[in-house]
Amino acid sequence: MNRLSNKLHPSVVEFKTFINKHPALIKKIRKSGRSWQEYYEQWALLGEEDPLWDEYKEEETEWKKEEQDENEGSFEKNKELFSNLIKMTENMDLNKVQKQIDSFNNTISVIQELLGQFKQSDTKSEPVGKNGFGWFKD
């Protein structure tokens, strides 16, 4: 356990263990916006074996199954995406890609030079006068 758990009251550590065994309860608490304190007090008064917690025990397996299904679906999507990328790279002409990258790099260099020139011309034209009417002084 971490250092924070060593400083907590033993009943709080037990409650944390209980909560971690019931992810559906965690989900409900976060979704409802109710405080953890309320559930801690119910747990402390009623105990772990109270029927109140049964609905979360049943949902726990459903929650794990949903999470597992999501992970499998995500894996299949990633697998499909990766195979599509492989097919695309097989049909690529790397010399053409390199030429396009070089052309893009040259375009960026030209834009950077132009921006540098505009920046220099802005700094040179400013000292004429702070208010622009320096030559009208008496």
Protein backbone atom coordinates (compact mmCIF):
# COMPACT_ATOMS: atom_id res chain seq x y z
CA MET A 1 0.00 0.00 0.00
CA ASN A 2 1.09 3.57 -0.43
CA ARG A 3 2.05 6.07 2.25
CA LEU A 4 -1.41 7.69 2.31
CA SER A 5 -3.04 4.37 3.21
CA ASN A 6 -0.72 4.07 6.22
CA LYS A 7 -2.04 7.38 7.57
CA LEU A 8 -5.73 6.55 7.02
CA HIS A 9 -7.96 5.03 9.67
CA PRO A 10 -8.18 1.23 9.23
CA SER A 11 -11.93 1.41 8.54
CA VAL A 12 -11.31 3.86 5.69
CA VAL A 13 -8.75 1.47 4.21
CA GLU A 14 -11.32 -1.35 4.47
CA PHE A 15 -13.93 0.83 2.77
CA LYS A 16 -11.50 1.57 -0.06
CA THR A 17 -10.95 -2.16 -0.50
CA PHE A 18 -14.72 -2.74 -0.52
CA ILE A 19 -15.25 0.01 -3.09
CA ASN A 20 -12.54 -1.37 -5.36
CA LYS A 21 -14.35 -4.72 -5.37
CA HIS A 22 -17.53 -2.98 -6.63
CA PRO A 23 -16.71 -0.90 -9.72
CA ALA A 24 -20.41 -0.49 -10.50
CA LEU A 25 -20.79 1.32 -7.17
CA ILE A 26 -17.88 3.62 -8.04
CA LYS A 27 -19.53 4.37 -11.37
CA LYS A 28 -22.86 5.15 -9.67
CA ILE A 29 -21.26 7.46 -7.08
CA ARG A 30 -19.41 9.40 -9.75
CA LYS A 31 -22.46 9.62 -11.99
CA SER A 32 -24.84 10.71 -9.22
CA GLY A 33 -22.53 13.36 -7.79
CA ARG A 34 -23.30 12.23 -4.25
CA SER A 35 -20.53 12.25 -1.69
CA TRP A 36 -18.36 9.30 -0.84
CA GLN A 37 -19.08 10.10 2.81
CA GLU A 38 -22.72 9.03 2.43
CA TYR A 39 -21.74 5.64 1.11
CA TYR A 40 -18.99 5.25 3.71
CA GLU A 41 -21.52 5.89 6.48
CA GLN A 42 -23.97 3.37 5.01
CA TRP A 43 -21.17 0.83 4.70
CA ALA A 44 -20.03 1.47 8.29
CA LEU A 45 -23.59 1.14 9.67
CA LEU A 46 -24.90 -1.71 7.53
CA GLY A 47 -21.75 -3.67 6.84
CA GLU A 48 -20.46 -5.34 3.70
CA GLU A 49 -23.02 -8.13 3.64
CA ASP A 50 -26.13 -5.91 3.62
CA PRO A 51 -28.55 -6.54 0.71
CA LEU A 52 -28.13 -2.89 -0.29
CA TRP A 53 -24.81 -3.80 -1.92
CA ASP A 54 -26.18 -6.84 -3.81
CA GLU A 55 -27.22 -4.85 -6.85
CA TYR A 56 -23.64 -3.63 -7.26
CA LYS A 57 -22.25 -7.15 -6.96
CA GLU A 58 -24.52 -8.29 -9.80
CA GLU A 59 -23.67 -5.27 -11.94
CA GLU A 60 -19.99 -5.81 -11.33
CA THR A 61 -19.87 -8.79 -13.71
CA GLU A 62 -21.93 -6.90 -16.32
CA TRP A 63 -19.61 -3.90 -16.00
CA LYS A 64 -16.53 -6.09 -16.50
CA LYS A 65 -18.16 -7.78 -19.50
CA GLU A 66 -18.99 -4.40 -21.09
CA GLU A 67 -15.43 -3.21 -20.52
CA GLN A 68 -14.03 -6.42 -22.00
CA ASP A 69 -16.31 -6.08 -25.06
CA GLU A 70 -15.15 -2.48 -25.54
CA ASN A 71 -11.50 -3.57 -25.35
CA GLU A 72 -12.05 -6.35 -27.88
CA GLY A 73 -13.87 -3.98 -30.24
CA SER A 74 -11.07 -1.47 -29.88
CA PHE A 75 -8.49 -4.16 -30.64
CA GLU A 76 -10.37 -5.19 -33.79
CA LYS A 77 -10.58 -1.56 -34.96
CA ASN A 78 -6.86 -1.07 -34.36
CA LYS A 79 -6.06 -4.30 -36.17
CA GLU A 80 -8.14 -3.20 -39.17
CA LEU A 81 -6.56 0.26 -39.19
CA PHE A 82 -3.08 -1.21 -39.05
CA SER A 83 -3.79 -3.59 -41.94
CA ASN A 84 -5.15 -0.65 -43.99
CA LEU A 85 -1.99 1.33 -43.29
CA ILE A 86 0.17 -1.60 -44.38
CA LYS A 87 -1.78 -1.87 -47.65
CA MET A 88 -1.41 1.86 -48.27
CA THR A 89 2.33 1.83 -47.66
CA GLU A 90 2.80 -1.15 -50.01
CA ASN A 91 1.38 0.92 -52.89
CA MET A 92 3.41 4.05 -52.11
CA ASP A 93 6.31 5.27 -54.17
CA LEU A 94 8.77 6.39 -51.53
CA ASN A 95 10.68 8.59 -54.01
CA LYS A 96 7.51 10.58 -54.71
CA VAL A 97 6.82 10.90 -50.99
CA GLN A 98 10.38 12.16 -50.41
CA LYS A 99 9.98 14.72 -53.20
CA GLN A 100 6.71 15.96 -51.69
CA ILE A 101 8.32 16.27 -48.27
CA ASP A 102 11.25 18.23 -49.74
CA SER A 103 8.87 20.52 -51.61
CA PHE A 104 6.87 21.11 -48.44
CA ASN A 105 10.06 21.82 -46.52
CA ASN A 106 11.16 24.37 -49.13
CA THR A 107 7.75 26.07 -48.97
CA ILE A 108 8.03 26.39 -45.19
CA SER A 109 11.53 27.87 -45.54
CA VAL A 110 10.28 30.50 -48.01
CA ILE A 111 7.40 31.43 -45.70
CA GLN A 112 9.80 31.75 -42.76
CA GLU A 113 12.07 34.04 -44.80
CA LEU A 114 9.13 36.24 -45.82
CA LEU A 115 7.92 36.49 -42.25
CA GLY A 116 11.45 37.43 -41.15
CA GLN A 117 11.60 40.18 -43.79
CA PHE A 118 8.20 41.58 -42.77
CA LYS A 119 9.25 41.55 -39.15
CA GLN A 120 12.44 43.45 -39.95
CA SER A 121 10.59 46.05 -42.05
CA ASP A 122 8.09 46.60 -39.19
CA THR A 123 10.85 47.30 -36.68
CA LYS A 124 12.64 49.69 -39.07
CA SER A 125 9.53 51.77 -39.82
CA GLU A 126 8.50 52.31 -36.17
CA PRO A 127 11.15 54.85 -35.00
CA VAL A 128 9.73 57.69 -37.18
CA GLY A 129 7.91 59.06 -34.19
CA LYS A 130 5.95 57.54 -31.39
CA ASN A 131 2.85 59.50 -32.24
CA GLY A 132 3.66 60.03 -35.95
CA PHE A 133 3.67 63.84 -35.64
CA GLY A 134 7.25 64.41 -34.54
CA TRP A 135 7.95 66.90 -37.37
CA PHE A 136 5.12 69.26 -36.32
CA LYS A 137 6.77 70.39 -33.07
CA ASP A 138 7.07 74.14 -32.42
